[in-house]
Amino acid sequence: MNQFIFALKTLGLFTVTAIAEIAGCYLPYLWLRKGGSVFLLLPAALSLMIFVYLLTLHPAASGRVYAAYGGIYVSVAVLWLWQVDGIMPDRWDMIGSLISLTGMAVILLAPRAS
């Protein structure tokens, strides 16, 4: 049960971290490519600062943790595509997200020697 609770907390932290990272990169994109206001850079910078702070809360700063985070990042990016960009993910987006989440679960939940 402890591993399940750890996994849920980690999943939530990864999701919030991914949102902060994507928002921090998306807002400058709107400014540079879509003619948005230069003032979009202020919330972008704040979002990236939050992202960096959230990285310090992850269970460990290791390749394994960041690899697991990558699975969540891919899925959140596909949801962002749908919810923010208004582009409905196709089956390949969904399959790719499921593969990423499966890989994340294997990395995060694999039994390891303490």
Foldseek 3Di string as FASTA:
>chain_A
DVLVVVVVVLLVLLLLLLVLQCLLVVQVCCVPPVVDDPVSNVSSVVSVVVSVVSCVVHPDPDPLSVLLSVLSNLVSVQVCCCPPVVDHDDVVSVVVSVVSNVVSCCSSVPDDDD
